């Protein structure tokens, strides 16, 4: 859509006019994932290579690699800084309690509304 809207972005000589853009973005995403993996982020470390300089007798990194999925970035997310599983669970329970309170408040508003209408009809 971007290439069809802005004609100056079209690549001459390619069938779809954006093959080079697609190739470039693929490499950029791969490099970005490599940086995240080296930084120790677990979200993209699903398919780590097995052979390295320190372990040269290991299996090749291309052996038994699972394809990355669309939601891989959400796979085993790291906890936010300063949070643990228990603190996040406590926050979740607090939110559940708040939602229960709002349902009761909504019910009271509806009850009050119905009581006003029933009182008007009796008169």
C-alpha atoms as a PDB file:
ATOM      1  CA  UNK A   1       0.000   0.000   0.000  1.00  0.00           C
ATOM      2  CA  UNK A   2       2.856   2.369   0.793  1.00  0.00           C
ATOM      3  CA  UNK A   3       4.590   1.732  -2.524  1.00  0.00           C
ATOM      4  CA  UNK A   4       1.376   2.165  -4.516  1.00  0.00           C
ATOM      5  CA  UNK A   5       0.586   5.431  -2.716  1.00  0.00           C
ATOM      6  CA  UNK A   6       4.090   6.918  -3.016  1.00  0.00           C
ATOM      7  CA  UNK A   7       5.355   6.146  -6.498  1.00  0.00           C
ATOM      8  CA  UNK A   8       8.879   7.366  -5.718  1.00  0.00           C
ATOM      9  CA  UNK A   9       9.393   4.282  -3.511  1.00  0.00           C
ATOM     10  CA  UNK A  10       8.876   1.826  -6.380  1.00  0.00           C
ATOM     11  CA  UNK A  11      11.925  -0.205  -7.357  1.00  0.00           C
ATOM     12  CA  UNK A  12      12.471  -0.453 -11.050  1.00  0.00           C
ATOM     13  CA  UNK A  13      13.216  -3.912 -12.384  1.00  0.00           C
ATOM     14  CA  UNK A  14      11.329  -5.904  -9.744  1.00  0.00           C
ATOM     15  CA  UNK A  15       7.995  -7.587 -10.405  1.00  0.00           C
ATOM     16  CA  UNK A  16       6.220  -6.321  -7.298  1.00  0.00           C
ATOM     17  CA  UNK A  17       8.159  -3.029  -6.963  1.00  0.00           C
ATOM     18  CA  UNK A  18       8.948  -3.804  -3.319  1.00  0.00           C
ATOM     19  CA  UNK A  19      11.056  -6.987  -3.339  1.00  0.00           C
ATOM     20  CA  UNK A  20      14.152  -5.099  -2.166  1.00  0.00           C
ATOM     21  CA  UNK A  21      12.215  -3.460   0.657  1.00  0.00           C
ATOM     22  CA  UNK A  22      10.929  -6.854   1.755  1.00  0.00           C
ATOM     23  CA  UNK A  23      14.428  -8.354   1.695  1.00  0.00           C
ATOM     24  CA  UNK A  24      15.873  -5.423   3.637  1.00  0.00           C
ATOM     25  CA  UNK A  25      13.178  -5.613   6.318  1.00  0.00           C
ATOM     26  CA  UNK A  26      13.786  -9.339   6.707  1.00  0.00           C
ATOM     27  CA  UNK A  27      17.463  -8.725   7.436  1.00  0.00           C
ATOM     28  CA  UNK A  28      16.652  -5.845   9.809  1.00  0.00           C
ATOM     29  CA  UNK A  29      14.271  -8.024  11.814  1.00  0.00           C
ATOM     30  CA  UNK A  30      16.834 -10.825  11.945  1.00  0.00           C
ATOM     31  CA  UNK A  31      19.548  -8.458  13.181  1.00  0.00           C
ATOM     32  CA  UNK A  32      17.185  -6.995  15.770  1.00  0.00           C
ATOM     33  CA  UNK A  33      16.290 -10.477  17.046  1.00  0.00           C
ATOM     34  CA  UNK A  34      20.015 -11.326  17.273  1.00  0.00           C
ATOM     35  CA  UNK A  35      20.658  -8.213  19.380  1.00  0.00           C
ATOM     36  CA  UNK A  36      17.768  -9.098  21.684  1.00  0.00           C
ATOM     37  CA  UNK A  37      19.002 -12.681  22.014  1.00  0.00           C
ATOM     38  CA  UNK A  38      22.533 -11.517  22.884  1.00  0.00           C
ATOM     39  CA  UNK A  39      21.094  -9.108  25.442  1.00  0.00           C
ATOM     40  CA  UNK A  40      19.576 -12.106  27.234  1.00  0.00           C
ATOM     41  CA  UNK A  41      15.912 -11.510  26.507  1.00  0.00           C
ATOM     42  CA  UNK A  42      14.100 -14.833  26.793  1.00  0.00           C
ATOM     43  CA  UNK A  43      11.359 -13.886  24.358  1.00  0.00           C
ATOM     44  CA  UNK A  44      13.533 -14.515  21.298  1.00  0.00           C
ATOM     45  CA  UNK A  45      15.824 -17.198  22.736  1.00  0.00           C
ATOM     46  CA  UNK A  46      13.468 -20.015  21.754  1.00  0.00           C
ATOM     47  CA  UNK A  47      15.816 -21.427  19.107  1.00  0.00           C
ATOM     48  CA  UNK A  48      19.352 -20.914  20.397  1.00  0.00           C
ATOM     49  CA  UNK A  49      22.275 -22.296  18.439  1.00  0.00           C
ATOM     50  CA  UNK A  50      23.921 -25.322  20.016  1.00  0.00           C
ATOM     51  CA  UNK A  51      27.441 -25.219  18.556  1.00  0.00           C
ATOM     52  CA  UNK A  52      29.777 -22.438  19.646  1.00  0.00           C
ATOM     53  CA  UNK A  53      33.460 -21.684  20.143  1.00  0.00           C
ATOM     54  CA  UNK A  54      33.307 -22.952  23.693  1.00  0.00           C
ATOM     55  CA  UNK A  55      31.352 -26.091  22.714  1.00  0.00           C
ATOM     56  CA  UNK A  56      32.503 -27.057  19.186  1.00  0.00           C
ATOM     57  CA  UNK A  57      31.393 -30.699  19.414  1.00  0.00           C
ATOM     58  CA  UNK A  58      27.753 -29.702  19.845  1.00  0.00           C
ATOM     59  CA  UNK A  59      25.097 -30.227  17.194  1.00  0.00           C
ATOM     60  CA  UNK A  60      24.781 -27.721  14.375  1.00  0.00           C
ATOM     61  CA  UNK A  61      22.570 -24.752  15.086  1.00  0.00           C
ATOM     62  CA  UNK A  62      20.346 -25.610  12.132  1.00  0.00           C
ATOM     63  CA  UNK A  63      19.445 -29.030  13.575  1.00  0.00           C
ATOM     64  CA  UNK A  64      15.920 -29.330  15.001  1.00  0.00           C
ATOM     65  CA  UNK A  65      15.126 -25.625  14.772  1.00  0.00           C
ATOM     66  CA  UNK A  66      11.514 -24.741  15.329  1.00  0.00           C
ATOM     67  CA  UNK A  67      10.098 -22.051  13.090  1.00  0.00           C
ATOM     68  CA  UNK A  68       9.409 -18.822  14.890  1.00  0.00           C
ATOM     69  CA  UNK A  69       5.742 -18.097  15.225  1.00  0.00           C
ATOM     70  CA  UNK A  70       3.783 -14.924  14.913  1.00  0.00           C
ATOM     71  CA  UNK A  71       3.367 -14.587  18.675  1.00  0.00           C
ATOM     72  CA  UNK A  72       6.916 -15.582  19.567  1.00  0.00           C
ATOM     73  CA  UNK A  73       7.572 -12.190  21.088  1.00  0.00           C
ATOM     74  CA  UNK A  74       4.956 -13.100  23.726  1.00  0.00           C
ATOM     75  CA  UNK A  75       6.590 -16.468  24.473  1.00  0.00           C
ATOM     76  CA  UNK A  76       7.851 -16.591  28.069  1.00  0.00           C
ATOM     77  CA  UNK A  77       7.878 -12.838  28.604  1.00  0.00           C
ATOM     78  CA  UNK A  78      10.256 -11.436  31.184  1.00  0.00           C
ATOM     79  CA  UNK A  79       8.736  -9.958  34.310  1.00  0.00           C
ATOM     80  CA  UNK A  80       8.801  -6.153  34.482  1.00  0.00           C
ATOM     81  CA  UNK A  81      11.698  -4.681  36.406  1.00  0.00           C
ATOM     82  CA  UNK A  82      11.144  -4.956  40.146  1.00  0.00           C
ATOM     83  CA  UNK A  83       8.220  -7.375  39.797  1.00  0.00           C
ATOM     84  CA  UNK A  84       7.940 -11.057  40.670  1.00  0.00           C
ATOM     85  CA  UNK A  85       5.305 -13.685  40.048  1.00  0.00           C
ATOM     86  CA  UNK A  86       3.772 -13.063  43.489  1.00  0.00           C
ATOM     87  CA  UNK A  87       3.527  -9.276  43.132  1.00  0.00           C
ATOM     88  CA  UNK A  88       1.912  -9.604  39.698  1.00  0.00           C
ATOM     89  CA  UNK A  89      -0.557 -12.152  41.067  1.00  0.00           C
ATOM     90  CA  UNK A  90      -1.462  -9.754  43.896  1.00  0.00           C
ATOM     91  CA  UNK A  91      -2.067  -6.976  41.353  1.00  0.00           C
ATOM     92  CA  UNK A  92      -4.287  -9.330  39.340  1.00  0.00           C
ATOM     93  CA  UNK A  93      -6.348 -10.175  42.432  1.00  0.00           C
ATOM     94  CA  UNK A  94      -6.747  -6.470  43.248  1.00  0.00           C
ATOM     95  CA  UNK A  95      -7.993  -5.824  39.717  1.00  0.00           C
ATOM     96  CA  UNK A  96     -10.509  -8.672  40.017  1.00  0.00           C
ATOM     97  CA  UNK A  97     -11.839  -7.119  43.230  1.00  0.00           C
ATOM     98  CA  UNK A  98     -12.138  -3.711  41.559  1.00  0.00           C
ATOM     99  CA  UNK A  99     -14.101  -5.200  38.660  1.00  0.00           C
ATOM    100  CA  UNK A 100     -16.469  -6.880  41.117  1.00  0.00           C
ATOM    101  CA  UNK A 101     -17.065  -3.527  42.827  1.00  0.00           C
ATOM    102  CA  UNK A 102     -17.900  -1.808  39.570  1.00  0.00           C
ATOM    103  CA  UNK A 103     -20.449  -4.513  38.720  1.00  0.00           C
ATOM    104  CA  UNK A 104     -22.191  -3.912  42.066  1.00  0.00           C
ATOM    105  CA  UNK A 105     -22.210  -0.150  41.432  1.00  0.00           C
ATOM    106  CA  UNK A 106     -23.760  -0.713  38.004  1.00  0.00           C
ATOM    107  CA  UNK A 107     -26.416  -2.939  39.535  1.00  0.00           C
ATOM    108  CA  UNK A 108     -27.282  -0.279  42.121  1.00  0.00           C
ATOM    109  CA  UNK A 109     -27.683   2.352  39.403  1.00  0.00           C
ATOM    110  CA  UNK A 110     -30.022   0.072  37.451  1.00  0.00           C
ATOM    111  CA  UNK A 111     -32.039  -0.776  40.585  1.00  0.00           C
ATOM    112  CA  UNK A 112     -32.433   2.920  41.389  1.00  0.00           C
ATOM    113  CA  UNK A 113     -33.503   3.621  37.794  1.00  0.00           C
ATOM    114  CA  UNK A 114     -36.117   0.835  37.858  1.00  0.00           C
ATOM    115  CA  UNK A 115     -37.436   1.968  41.244  1.00  0.00           C
ATOM    116  CA  UNK A 116     -38.011   5.485  39.893  1.00  0.00           C
ATOM    117  CA  UNK A 117     -39.926   4.155  36.877  1.00  0.00           C
ATOM    118  CA  UNK A 118     -42.059   1.801  38.982  1.00  0.00           C
ATOM    119  CA  UNK A 119     -42.915   4.663  41.380  1.00  0.00           C
ATOM    120  CA  UNK A 120     -44.050   6.883  38.482  1.00  0.00           C
ATOM    121  CA  UNK A 121     -46.324   4.193  37.044  1.00  0.00           C
ATOM    122  CA  UNK A 122     -48.127   3.658  40.390  1.00  0.00           C
ATOM    123  CA  UNK A 123     -49.077   7.312  40.709  1.00  0.00           C
END
